[in-house]
Amino acid sequence: DVADMRIEAQGKAEFFDMGVPDILDYEKMKDKLQVRICDKEWNTDRLADKVVTEHGDFAAYYAVNLEENGEGISSIPVTVSLMNEWGVSVEQIQAYAMMADKNRGVQLVD
């Protein structure tokens, strides 16, 4: 039990080391959610531990958009373990991500 607690704490500590202490607070992160679409057959490894919804031949996965500037976007993918830590459902993540993207404006990139 102690080893399991240590492993769980170590996983959370990685977010703090990256300078994202609020990542475990869903209320602070939900407005930063973002939808990303990819071909599900070509990206099975990328999608393995992520929160995913399928849309025909494509898969939508979700990320927390931490910072956006002229050089690019800094983000953290929403994993199943992060979703469980937040205590929310896939449907809630999808709904907030869609709303946040709508408020930000959709962008298509290669």
PDB file of N, CA and C in Angstrom:
ATOM      1  N   ASP A   1       0.824  -1.201   0.000  1.00  0.00           N
ATOM      2  CA  ASP A   1       0.000   0.000   0.000  1.00  0.00           C
ATOM      3  C   ASP A   1       0.867   1.265   0.000  1.00  0.00           C
ATOM      4  N   VAL A   2       1.919   1.237   0.793  1.00  0.00           N
ATOM      5  CA  VAL A   2       2.814   2.392   0.861  1.00  0.00           C
ATOM      6  C   VAL A   2       3.494   2.622  -0.485  1.00  0.00           C
ATOM      7  N   ALA A   3       3.922   1.547  -1.132  1.00  0.00           N
ATOM      8  CA  ALA A   3       4.555   1.677  -2.444  1.00  0.00           C
ATOM      9  C   ALA A   3       3.582   2.256  -3.469  1.00  0.00           C
ATOM     10  N   ASP A   4       2.330   1.820  -3.436  1.00  0.00           N
ATOM     11  CA  ASP A   4       1.322   2.363  -4.347  1.00  0.00           C
ATOM     12  C   ASP A   4       1.104   3.848  -4.098  1.00  0.00           C
ATOM     13  N   MET A   5       1.068   4.247  -2.828  1.00  0.00           N
ATOM     14  CA  MET A   5       0.903   5.668  -2.492  1.00  0.00           C
ATOM     15  C   MET A   5       2.100   6.470  -2.990  1.00  0.00           C
ATOM     16  N   ARG A   6       3.283   5.918  -2.871  1.00  0.00           N
ATOM     17  CA  ARG A   6       4.510   6.599  -3.324  1.00  0.00           C
ATOM     18  C   ARG A   6       4.493   6.785  -4.835  1.00  0.00           C
ATOM     19  N   ILE A   7       4.086   5.742  -5.549  1.00  0.00           N
ATOM     20  CA  ILE A   7       4.021   5.826  -7.014  1.00  0.00           C
ATOM     21  C   ILE A   7       3.001   6.877  -7.432  1.00  0.00           C
ATOM     22  N   GLU A   8       1.847   6.903  -6.783  1.00  0.00           N
ATOM     23  CA  GLU A   8       0.819   7.899  -7.097  1.00  0.00           C
ATOM     24  C   GLU A   8       1.326   9.307  -6.801  1.00  0.00           C
ATOM     25  N   ALA A   9       1.982   9.499  -5.678  1.00  0.00           N
ATOM     26  CA  ALA A   9       2.519  10.816  -5.313  1.00  0.00           C
ATOM     27  C   ALA A   9       3.598  11.255  -6.286  1.00  0.00           C
ATOM     28  N   GLN A  10       4.414  10.313  -6.742  1.00  0.00           N
ATOM     29  CA  GLN A  10       5.471  10.642  -7.698  1.00  0.00           C
ATOM     30  C   GLN A  10       4.868  11.116  -9.013  1.00  0.00           C
ATOM     31  N   GLY A  11       3.793  10.477  -9.465  1.00  0.00           N
ATOM     32  CA  GLY A  11       3.117  10.897 -10.689  1.00  0.00           C
ATOM     33  C   GLY A  11       2.585  12.310 -10.572  1.00  0.00           C
ATOM     34  N   LYS A  12       2.028  12.645  -9.426  1.00  0.00           N
ATOM     35  CA  LYS A  12       1.514  14.000  -9.205  1.00  0.00           C
ATOM     36  C   LYS A  12       2.652  14.998  -9.103  1.00  0.00           C
ATOM     37  N   ALA A  13       3.769  14.595  -8.520  1.00  0.00           N
ATOM     38  CA  ALA A  13       4.912  15.490  -8.345  1.00  0.00           C
ATOM     39  C   ALA A  13       5.461  15.956  -9.687  1.00  0.00           C
ATOM     40  N   GLU A  14       5.333  15.135 -10.732  1.00  0.00           N
ATOM     41  CA  GLU A  14       5.823  15.535 -12.046  1.00  0.00           C
ATOM     42  C   GLU A  14       5.154  16.818 -12.517  1.00  0.00           C
ATOM     43  N   PHE A  15       3.852  16.981 -12.240  1.00  0.00           N
ATOM     44  CA  PHE A  15       3.145  18.196 -12.621  1.00  0.00           C
ATOM     45  C   PHE A  15       3.704  19.403 -11.868  1.00  0.00           C
ATOM     46  N   PHE A  16       4.013  19.219 -10.586  1.00  0.00           N
ATOM     47  CA  PHE A  16       4.565  20.313  -9.798  1.00  0.00           C
ATOM     48  C   PHE A  16       5.957  20.687 -10.293  1.00  0.00           C
ATOM     49  N   ASP A  17       6.744  19.682 -10.674  1.00  0.00           N
ATOM     50  CA  ASP A  17       8.078  19.935 -11.210  1.00  0.00           C
ATOM     51  C   ASP A  17       8.017  20.709 -12.519  1.00  0.00           C
ATOM     52  N   MET A  18       6.937  20.523 -13.283  1.00  0.00           N
ATOM     53  CA  MET A  18       6.773  21.238 -14.546  1.00  0.00           C
ATOM     54  C   MET A  18       6.221  22.639 -14.322  1.00  0.00           C
ATOM     55  N   GLY A  19       5.959  23.020 -13.083  1.00  0.00           N
ATOM     56  CA  GLY A  19       5.435  24.347 -12.798  1.00  0.00           C
ATOM     57  C   GLY A  19       3.937  24.456 -13.002  1.00  0.00           C
ATOM     58  N   VAL A  20       3.229  23.349 -12.844  1.00  0.00           N
ATOM     59  CA  VAL A  20       1.782  23.343 -13.056  1.00  0.00           C
ATOM     60  C   VAL A  20       1.088  22.793 -11.806  1.00  0.00           C
ATOM     61  N   PRO A  21       1.189  23.505 -10.688  1.00  0.00           N
ATOM     62  CA  PRO A  21       0.618  22.970  -9.450  1.00  0.00           C
ATOM     63  C   PRO A  21      -0.906  22.879  -9.469  1.00  0.00           C
ATOM     64  N   ASP A  22      -1.585  23.679 -10.304  1.00  0.00           N
ATOM     65  CA  ASP A  22      -3.042  23.673 -10.344  1.00  0.00           C
ATOM     66  C   ASP A  22      -3.618  22.606 -11.260  1.00  0.00           C
ATOM     67  N   ILE A  23      -2.783  21.781 -11.884  1.00  0.00           N
ATOM     68  CA  ILE A  23      -3.260  20.802 -12.851  1.00  0.00           C
ATOM     69  C   ILE A  23      -4.266  19.837 -12.230  1.00  0.00           C
ATOM     70  N   LEU A  24      -4.191  19.593 -10.952  1.00  0.00           N
ATOM     71  CA  LEU A  24      -5.109  18.660 -10.301  1.00  0.00           C
ATOM     72  C   LEU A  24      -6.432  19.311  -9.904  1.00  0.00           C
ATOM     73  N   ASP A  25      -6.569  20.614 -10.143  1.00  0.00           N
ATOM     74  CA  ASP A  25      -7.798  21.352  -9.824  1.00  0.00           C
ATOM     75  C   ASP A  25      -8.608  21.544 -11.100  1.00  0.00           C
ATOM     76  N   TYR A  26      -9.611  20.703 -11.303  1.00  0.00           N
ATOM     77  CA  TYR A  26     -10.409  20.725 -12.531  1.00  0.00           C
ATOM     78  C   TYR A  26     -11.066  22.082 -12.761  1.00  0.00           C
ATOM     79  N   GLU A  27     -11.536  22.714 -11.703  1.00  0.00           N
ATOM     80  CA  GLU A  27     -12.204  24.013 -11.850  1.00  0.00           C
ATOM     81  C   GLU A  27     -11.273  25.060 -12.448  1.00  0.00           C
ATOM     82  N   LYS A  28      -9.993  24.979 -12.140  1.00  0.00           N
ATOM     83  CA  LYS A  28      -9.026  25.935 -12.695  1.00  0.00           C
ATOM     84  C   LYS A  28      -8.569  25.546 -14.097  1.00  0.00           C
ATOM     85  N   MET A  29      -8.694  24.269 -14.449  1.00  0.00           N
ATOM     86  CA  MET A  29      -8.187  23.781 -15.735  1.00  0.00           C
ATOM     87  C   MET A  29      -9.251  23.681 -16.823  1.00  0.00           C
ATOM     88  N   LYS A  30     -10.524  23.593 -16.471  1.00  0.00           N
ATOM     89  CA  LYS A  30     -11.552  23.284 -17.461  1.00  0.00           C
ATOM     90  C   LYS A  30     -11.664  24.328 -18.573  1.00  0.00           C
ATOM     91  N   ASP A  31     -11.384  25.594 -18.280  1.00  0.00           N
ATOM     92  CA  ASP A  31     -11.434  26.622 -19.322  1.00  0.00           C
ATOM     93  C   ASP A  31     -10.216  26.571 -20.243  1.00  0.00           C
ATOM     94  N   LYS A  32      -9.223  25.772 -19.881  1.00  0.00           N
ATOM     95  CA  LYS A  32      -8.013  25.639 -20.691  1.00  0.00           C
ATOM     96  C   LYS A  32      -8.018  24.356 -21.523  1.00  0.00           C
ATOM     97  N   LEU A  33      -9.106  23.597 -21.449  1.00  0.00           N
ATOM     98  CA  LEU A  33      -9.187  22.350 -22.205  1.00  0.00           C
ATOM     99  C   LEU A  33      -9.230  22.636 -23.700  1.00  0.00           C
ATOM    100  N   GLN A  34      -8.751  21.692 -24.458  1.00  0.00           N
ATOM    101  CA  GLN A  34      -8.646  21.834 -25.902  1.00  0.00           C
ATOM    102  C   GLN A  34      -8.906  20.479 -26.548  1.00  0.00           C
ATOM    103  N   VAL A  35      -9.612  20.484 -27.690  1.00  0.00           N
ATOM    104  CA  VAL A  35      -9.874  19.264 -28.445  1.00  0.00           C
ATOM    105  C   VAL A  35      -8.809  19.137 -29.520  1.00  0.00           C
ATOM    106  N   ARG A  36      -8.295  17.936 -29.689  1.00  0.00           N
ATOM    107  CA  ARG A  36      -7.360  17.646 -30.775  1.00  0.00           C
ATOM    108  C   ARG A  36      -7.886  16.432 -31.523  1.00  0.00           C
ATOM    109  N   ILE A  37      -7.847  16.503 -32.839  1.00  0.00           N
ATOM    110  CA  ILE A  37      -8.383  15.439 -33.679  1.00  0.00           C
ATOM    111  C   ILE A  37      -7.234  14.772 -34.432  1.00  0.00           C
ATOM    112  N   CYS A  38      -7.277  13.452 -34.517  1.00  0.00           N
ATOM    113  CA  CYS A  38      -6.265  12.734 -35.294  1.00  0.00           C
ATOM    114  C   CYS A  38      -6.888  11.457 -35.862  1.00  0.00           C
ATOM    115  N   ASP A  39      -6.175  10.849 -36.787  1.00  0.00           N
ATOM    116  CA  ASP A  39      -6.585   9.565 -37.343  1.00  0.00           C
ATOM    117  C   ASP A  39      -6.324   8.496 -36.281  1.00  0.00           C
ATOM    118  N   LYS A  40      -7.365   7.789 -35.891  1.00  0.00           N
ATOM    119  CA  LYS A  40      -7.201   6.836 -34.781  1.00  0.00           C
ATOM    120  C   LYS A  40      -6.342   5.634 -35.136  1.00  0.00           C
ATOM    121  N   GLU A  41      -6.326   5.236 -36.399  1.00  0.00           N
ATOM    122  CA  GLU A  41      -5.506   4.093 -36.798  1.00  0.00           C
ATOM    123  C   GLU A  41      -4.022   4.437 -36.845  1.00  0.00           C
ATOM    124  N   TRP A  42      -3.688   5.652 -37.204  1.00  0.00           N
ATOM    125  CA  TRP A  42      -2.292   6.068 -37.310  1.00  0.00           C
ATOM    126  C   TRP A  42      -1.692   6.500 -35.979  1.00  0.00           C
ATOM    127  N   ASN A  43      -2.512   6.655 -34.962  1.00  0.00           N
ATOM    128  CA  ASN A  43      -2.047   7.213 -33.694  1.00  0.00           C
ATOM    129  C   ASN A  43      -2.404   6.351 -32.488  1.00  0.00           C
ATOM    130  N   THR A  44      -2.399   5.043 -32.643  1.00  0.00           N
ATOM    131  CA  THR A  44      -2.796   4.177 -31.537  1.00  0.00           C
ATOM    132  C   THR A  44      -1.889   4.338 -30.316  1.00  0.00           C
ATOM    133  N   ASP A  45      -0.596   4.515 -30.527  1.00  0.00           N
ATOM    134  CA  ASP A  45       0.319   4.708 -29.395  1.00  0.00           C
ATOM    135  C   ASP A  45       0.036   6.029 -28.678  1.00  0.00           C
ATOM    136  N   ARG A  46      -0.184   7.078 -29.446  1.00  0.00           N
ATOM    137  CA  ARG A  46      -0.454   8.405 -28.877  1.00  0.00           C
ATOM    138  C   ARG A  46      -1.731   8.399 -28.046  1.00  0.00           C
ATOM    139  N   LEU A  47      -2.710   7.624 -28.458  1.00  0.00           N
ATOM    140  CA  LEU A  47      -4.019   7.625 -27.808  1.00  0.00           C
ATOM    141  C   LEU A  47      -4.131   6.619 -26.662  1.00  0.00           C
ATOM    142  N   ALA A  48      -3.114   5.802 -26.455  1.00  0.00           N
ATOM    143  CA  ALA A  48      -3.189   4.656 -25.545  1.00  0.00           C
ATOM    144  C   ALA A  48      -3.718   4.988 -24.147  1.00  0.00           C
ATOM    145  N   ASP A  49      -3.204   5.987 -23.487  1.00  0.00           N
ATOM    146  CA  ASP A  49      -3.612   6.273 -22.109  1.00  0.00           C
ATOM    147  C   ASP A  49      -4.390   7.583 -21.984  1.00  0.00           C
ATOM    148  N   LYS A  50      -4.858   8.105 -23.124  1.00  0.00           N
ATOM    149  CA  LYS A  50      -5.535   9.400 -23.146  1.00  0.00           C
ATOM    150  C   LYS A  50      -7.050   9.246 -23.064  1.00  0.00           C
ATOM    151  N   VAL A  51      -7.705  10.334 -22.692  1.00  0.00           N
ATOM    152  CA  VAL A  51      -9.158  10.414 -22.759  1.00  0.00           C
ATOM    153  C   VAL A  51      -9.501  10.647 -24.223  1.00  0.00           C
ATOM    154  N   VAL A  52     -10.296   9.748 -24.801  1.00  0.00           N
ATOM    155  CA  VAL A  52     -10.566   9.766 -26.243  1.00  0.00           C
ATOM    156  C   VAL A  52     -12.051   9.574 -26.497  1.00  0.00           C
ATOM    157  N   THR A  53     -12.559  10.294 -27.502  1.00  0.00           N
ATOM    158  CA  THR A  53     -13.889  10.014 -28.034  1.00  0.00           C
ATOM    159  C   THR A  53     -13.723   9.774 -29.526  1.00  0.00           C
ATOM    160  N   GLU A  54     -14.444   8.793 -30.036  1.00  0.00           N
ATOM    161  CA  GLU A  54     -14.308   8.436 -31.454  1.00  0.00           C
ATOM    162  C   GLU A  54     -15.388   9.115 -32.269  1.00  0.00           C
ATOM    163  N   HIS A  55     -14.984   9.575 -33.458  1.00  0.00           N
ATOM    164  CA  HIS A  55     -15.877  10.277 -34.376  1.00  0.00           C
ATOM    165  C   HIS A  55     -15.587   9.756 -35.775  1.00  0.00           C
ATOM    166  N   GLY A  56     -16.276   8.692 -36.155  1.00  0.00           N
ATOM    167  CA  GLY A  56     -16.027   8.082 -37.460  1.00  0.00           C
ATOM    168  C   GLY A  56     -14.618   7.518 -37.518  1.00  0.00           C
ATOM    169  N   ASP A  57     -13.861   7.916 -38.555  1.00  0.00           N
ATOM    170  CA  ASP A  57     -12.488   7.447 -38.711  1.00  0.00           C
ATOM    171  C   ASP A  57     -11.495   8.202 -37.829  1.00  0.00           C
ATOM    172  N   PHE A  58     -11.980   9.205 -37.125  1.00  0.00           N
ATOM    173  CA  PHE A  58     -11.094  10.059 -36.340  1.00  0.00           C
ATOM    174  C   PHE A  58     -11.330   9.881 -34.843  1.00  0.00           C
ATOM    175  N   ALA A  59     -10.324  10.271 -34.081  1.00  0.00           N
ATOM    176  CA  ALA A  59     -10.416  10.255 -32.625  1.00  0.00           C
ATOM    177  C   ALA A  59     -10.155  11.663 -32.122  1.00  0.00           C
ATOM    178  N   ALA A  60     -10.936  12.069 -31.150  1.00  0.00           N
ATOM    179  CA  ALA A  60     -10.702  13.337 -30.474  1.00  0.00           C
ATOM    180  C   ALA A  60     -10.040  13.001 -29.144  1.00  0.00           C
ATOM    181  N   TYR A  61      -8.933  13.658 -28.874  1.00  0.00           N
ATOM    182  CA  TYR A  61      -8.320  13.539 -27.553  1.00  0.00           C
ATOM    183  C   TYR A  61      -8.197  14.946 -27.004  1.00  0.00           C
ATOM    184  N   TYR A  62      -7.929  15.059 -25.734  1.00  0.00           N
ATOM    185  CA  TYR A  62      -8.059  16.339 -25.053  1.00  0.00           C
ATOM    186  C   TYR A  62      -6.746  16.722 -24.374  1.00  0.00           C
ATOM    187  N   ALA A  63      -6.522  18.019 -24.289  1.00  0.00           N
ATOM    188  CA  ALA A  63      -5.301  18.525 -23.663  1.00  0.00           C
ATOM    189  C   ALA A  63      -5.644  19.774 -22.862  1.00  0.00           C
ATOM    190  N   VAL A  64      -4.785  20.085 -21.896  1.00  0.00           N
ATOM    191  CA  VAL A  64      -4.881  21.330 -21.152  1.00  0.00           C
ATOM    192  C   VAL A  64      -3.877  22.286 -21.775  1.00  0.00           C
ATOM    193  N   ASN A  65      -4.361  23.380 -22.319  1.00  0.00           N
ATOM    194  CA  ASN A  65      -3.543  24.383 -22.979  1.00  0.00           C
ATOM    195  C   ASN A  65      -2.943  25.298 -21.901  1.00  0.00           C
ATOM    196  N   LEU A  66      -1.660  25.118 -21.612  1.00  0.00           N
ATOM    197  CA  LEU A  66      -1.018  25.869 -20.535  1.00  0.00           C
ATOM    198  C   LEU A  66      -0.557  27.249 -20.974  1.00  0.00           C
ATOM    199  N   GLU A  67       0.015  27.313 -22.170  1.00  0.00           N
ATOM    200  CA  GLU A  67       0.540  28.597 -22.658  1.00  0.00           C
ATOM    201  C   GLU A  67       0.553  28.570 -24.180  1.00  0.00           C
ATOM    202  N   GLU A  68       0.244  29.711 -24.762  1.00  0.00           N
ATOM    203  CA  GLU A  68       0.254  29.822 -26.217  1.00  0.00           C
ATOM    204  C   GLU A  68       0.940  31.127 -26.582  1.00  0.00           C
ATOM    205  N   ASN A  69       1.948  31.021 -27.461  1.00  0.00           N
ATOM    206  CA  ASN A  69       2.640  32.220 -27.908  1.00  0.00           C
ATOM    207  C   ASN A  69       3.085  32.018 -29.352  1.00  0.00           C
ATOM    208  N   GLY A  70       3.872  32.923 -29.883  1.00  0.00           N
ATOM    209  CA  GLY A  70       4.318  32.851 -31.262  1.00  0.00           C
ATOM    210  C   GLY A  70       5.160  31.630 -31.579  1.00  0.00           C
ATOM    211  N   GLU A  71       5.733  31.021 -30.564  1.00  0.00           N
ATOM    212  CA  GLU A  71       6.582  29.849 -30.776  1.00  0.00           C
ATOM    213  C   GLU A  71       5.811  28.541 -30.742  1.00  0.00           C
ATOM    214  N   GLY A  72       4.588  28.563 -30.240  1.00  0.00           N
ATOM    215  CA  GLY A  72       3.806  27.338 -30.202  1.00  0.00           C
ATOM    216  C   GLY A  72       2.898  27.259 -28.989  1.00  0.00           C
ATOM    217  N   ILE A  73       2.457  26.051 -28.714  1.00  0.00           N
ATOM    218  CA  ILE A  73       1.527  25.796 -27.615  1.00  0.00           C
ATOM    219  C   ILE A  73       2.170  24.832 -26.635  1.00  0.00           C
ATOM    220  N   SER A  74       2.101  25.167 -25.367  1.00  0.00           N
ATOM    221  CA  SER A  74       2.553  24.285 -24.302  1.00  0.00           C
ATOM    222  C   SER A  74       1.307  23.656 -23.691  1.00  0.00           C
ATOM    223  N   SER A  75       1.231  22.326 -23.715  1.00  0.00           N
ATOM    224  CA  SER A  75       0.030  21.672 -23.211  1.00  0.00           C
ATOM    225  C   SER A  75       0.368  20.336 -22.570  1.00  0.00           C
ATOM    226  N   ILE A  76      -0.598  19.827 -21.822  1.00  0.00           N
ATOM    227  CA  ILE A  76      -0.495  18.520 -21.188  1.00  0.00           C
ATOM    228  C   ILE A  76      -1.705  17.721 -21.636  1.00  0.00           C
ATOM    229  N   PRO A  77      -1.505  16.521 -22.162  1.00  0.00           N
ATOM    230  CA  PRO A  77      -2.659  15.714 -22.569  1.00  0.00           C
ATOM    231  C   PRO A  77      -3.464  15.258 -21.355  1.00  0.00           C
ATOM    232  N   VAL A  78      -4.757  15.136 -21.538  1.00  0.00           N
ATOM    233  CA  VAL A  78      -5.623  14.641 -20.470  1.00  0.00           C
ATOM    234  C   VAL A  78      -5.591  13.111 -20.527  1.00  0.00           C
ATOM    235  N   THR A  79      -4.951  12.532 -19.549  1.00  0.00           N
ATOM    236  CA  THR A  79      -4.867  11.076 -19.452  1.00  0.00           C
ATOM    237  C   THR A  79      -6.057  10.558 -18.641  1.00  0.00           C
ATOM    238  N   VAL A  80      -6.278   9.280 -18.727  1.00  0.00           N
ATOM    239  CA  VAL A  80      -7.353   8.656 -17.960  1.00  0.00           C
ATOM    240  C   VAL A  80      -7.101   8.859 -16.464  1.00  0.00           C
ATOM    241  N   SER A  81      -5.850   8.756 -16.025  1.00  0.00           N
ATOM    242  CA  SER A  81      -5.564   8.934 -14.593  1.00  0.00           C
ATOM    243  C   SER A  81      -5.815  10.376 -14.151  1.00  0.00           C
ATOM    244  N   LEU A  82      -5.527  11.358 -15.010  1.00  0.00           N
ATOM    245  CA  LEU A  82      -5.806  12.756 -14.664  1.00  0.00           C
ATOM    246  C   LEU A  82      -7.319  12.969 -14.593  1.00  0.00           C
ATOM    247  N   MET A  83      -8.067  12.399 -15.534  1.00  0.00           N
ATOM    248  CA  MET A  83      -9.525  12.506 -15.503  1.00  0.00           C
ATOM    249  C   MET A  83     -10.067  11.915 -14.198  1.00  0.00           C
ATOM    250  N   ASN A  84      -9.535  10.764 -13.796  1.00  0.00           N
ATOM    251  CA  ASN A  84      -9.975  10.139 -12.545  1.00  0.00           C
ATOM    252  C   ASN A  84      -9.621  11.008 -11.345  1.00  0.00           C
ATOM    253  N   GLU A  85      -8.450  11.623 -11.388  1.00  0.00           N
ATOM    254  CA  GLU A  85      -8.039  12.525 -10.304  1.00  0.00           C
ATOM    255  C   GLU A  85      -9.005  13.704 -10.202  1.00  0.00           C
ATOM    256  N   TRP A  86      -9.435  14.217 -11.347  1.00  0.00           N
ATOM    257  CA  TRP A  86     -10.402  15.325 -11.378  1.00  0.00           C
ATOM    258  C   TRP A  86     -11.779  14.887 -10.902  1.00  0.00           C
ATOM    259  N   GLY A  87     -12.093  13.600 -11.037  1.00  0.00           N
ATOM    260  CA  GLY A  87     -13.406  13.112 -10.643  1.00  0.00           C
ATOM    261  C   GLY A  87     -14.509  13.520 -11.603  1.00  0.00           C
ATOM    262  N   VAL A  88     -14.176  13.594 -12.894  1.00  0.00           N
ATOM    263  CA  VAL A  88     -15.154  13.976 -13.912  1.00  0.00           C
ATOM    264  C   VAL A  88     -15.255  12.869 -14.963  1.00  0.00           C
ATOM    265  N   SER A  89     -16.242  13.004 -15.831  1.00  0.00           N
ATOM    266  CA  SER A  89     -16.460  11.996 -16.868  1.00  0.00           C
ATOM    267  C   SER A  89     -15.877  12.454 -18.203  1.00  0.00           C
ATOM    268  N   VAL A  90     -15.782  11.511 -19.123  1.00  0.00           N
ATOM    269  CA  VAL A  90     -15.340  11.830 -20.484  1.00  0.00           C
ATOM    270  C   VAL A  90     -16.283  12.869 -21.093  1.00  0.00           C
ATOM    271  N   GLU A  91     -17.581  12.700 -20.849  1.00  0.00           N
ATOM    272  CA  GLU A  91     -18.569  13.619 -21.399  1.00  0.00           C
ATOM    273  C   GLU A  91     -18.368  15.047 -20.885  1.00  0.00           C
ATOM    274  N   GLN A  92     -18.021  15.197 -19.614  1.00  0.00           N
ATOM    275  CA  GLN A  92     -17.763  16.531 -19.054  1.00  0.00           C
ATOM    276  C   GLN A  92     -16.525  17.149 -19.691  1.00  0.00           C
ATOM    277  N   ILE A  93     -15.485  16.362 -19.852  1.00  0.00           N
ATOM    278  CA  ILE A  93     -14.263  16.872 -20.480  1.00  0.00           C
ATOM    279  C   ILE A  93     -14.556  17.294 -21.911  1.00  0.00           C
ATOM    280  N   GLN A  94     -15.274  16.473 -22.651  1.00  0.00           N
ATOM    281  CA  GLN A  94     -15.598  16.812 -24.032  1.00  0.00           C
ATOM    282  C   GLN A  94     -16.421  18.095 -24.105  1.00  0.00           C
ATOM    283  N   ALA A  95     -17.435  18.227 -23.265  1.00  0.00           N
ATOM    284  CA  ALA A  95     -18.299  19.416 -23.287  1.00  0.00           C
ATOM    285  C   ALA A  95     -17.520  20.685 -22.972  1.00  0.00           C
ATOM    286  N   TYR A  96     -16.685  20.655 -21.940  1.00  0.00           N
ATOM    287  CA  TYR A  96     -15.915  21.847 -21.581  1.00  0.00           C
ATOM    288  C   TYR A  96     -14.846  22.163 -22.614  1.00  0.00           C
ATOM    289  N   ALA A  97     -14.239  21.127 -23.184  1.00  0.00           N
ATOM    290  CA  ALA A  97     -13.227  21.351 -24.220  1.00  0.00           C
ATOM    291  C   ALA A  97     -13.855  22.007 -25.447  1.00  0.00           C
ATOM    292  N   MET A  98     -15.036  21.545 -25.833  1.00  0.00           N
ATOM    293  CA  MET A  98     -15.730  22.141 -26.980  1.00  0.00           C
ATOM    294  C   MET A  98     -16.073  23.603 -26.692  1.00  0.00           C
ATOM    295  N   MET A  99     -16.551  23.877 -25.486  1.00  0.00           N
ATOM    296  CA  MET A  99     -16.904  25.243 -25.114  1.00  0.00           C
ATOM    297  C   MET A  99     -15.656  26.135 -25.063  1.00  0.00           C
ATOM    298  N   ALA A 100     -14.574  25.630 -24.488  1.00  0.00           N
ATOM    299  CA  ALA A 100     -13.340  26.412 -24.385  1.00  0.00           C
ATOM    300  C   ALA A 100     -12.769  26.699 -25.770  1.00  0.00           C
ATOM    301  N   ASP A 101     -12.790  25.699 -26.664  1.00  0.00           N
ATOM    302  CA  ASP A 101     -12.310  25.918 -28.032  1.00  0.00           C
ATOM    303  C   ASP A 101     -13.170  26.937 -28.757  1.00  0.00           C
ATOM    304  N   LYS A 102     -14.468  26.869 -28.555  1.00  0.00           N
ATOM    305  CA  LYS A 102     -15.375  27.834 -29.193  1.00  0.00           C
ATOM    306  C   LYS A 102     -15.052  29.248 -28.720  1.00  0.00           C
ATOM    307  N   ASN A 103     -14.807  29.414 -27.427  1.00  0.00           N
ATOM    308  CA  ASN A 103     -14.479  30.732 -26.868  1.00  0.00           C
ATOM    309  C   ASN A 103     -13.118  31.235 -27.364  1.00  0.00           C
ATOM    310  N   ARG A 104     -12.175  30.316 -27.563  1.00  0.00           N
ATOM    311  CA  ARG A 104     -10.818  30.672 -28.018  1.00  0.00           C
ATOM    312  C   ARG A 104     -10.758  30.867 -29.513  1.00  0.00           C
ATOM    313  N   GLY A 105     -11.583  30.142 -30.241  1.00  0.00           N
ATOM    314  CA  GLY A 105     -11.501  30.153 -31.697  1.00  0.00           C
ATOM    315  C   GLY A 105     -10.761  28.916 -32.167  1.00  0.00           C
ATOM    316  N   VAL A 106     -11.336  28.211 -33.105  1.00  0.00           N
ATOM    317  CA  VAL A 106     -10.757  26.958 -33.590  1.00  0.00           C
ATOM    318  C   VAL A 106      -9.588  27.257 -34.530  1.00  0.00           C
ATOM    319  N   GLN A 107      -8.579  26.383 -34.468  1.00  0.00           N
ATOM    320  CA  GLN A 107      -7.387  26.554 -35.289  1.00  0.00           C
ATOM    321  C   GLN A 107      -7.017  25.199 -35.882  1.00  0.00           C
ATOM    322  N   LEU A 108      -6.758  25.164 -37.175  1.00  0.00           N
ATOM    323  CA  LEU A 108      -6.325  23.931 -37.816  1.00  0.00           C
ATOM    324  C   LEU A 108      -4.825  23.998 -38.053  1.00  0.00           C
ATOM    325  N   VAL A 109      -4.110  22.938 -37.659  1.00  0.00           N
ATOM    326  CA  VAL A 109      -2.653  22.894 -37.855  1.00  0.00           C
ATOM    327  C   VAL A 109      -2.272  21.521 -38.367  1.00  0.00           C
ATOM    328  N   ASP A 110      -1.122  21.438 -39.004  1.00  0.00           N
ATOM    329  CA  ASP A 110      -0.616  20.181 -39.542  1.00  0.00           C
ATOM    330  C   ASP A 110       0.011  19.393 -38.408  1.00  0.00           C
TER     331      ASP A 110
END
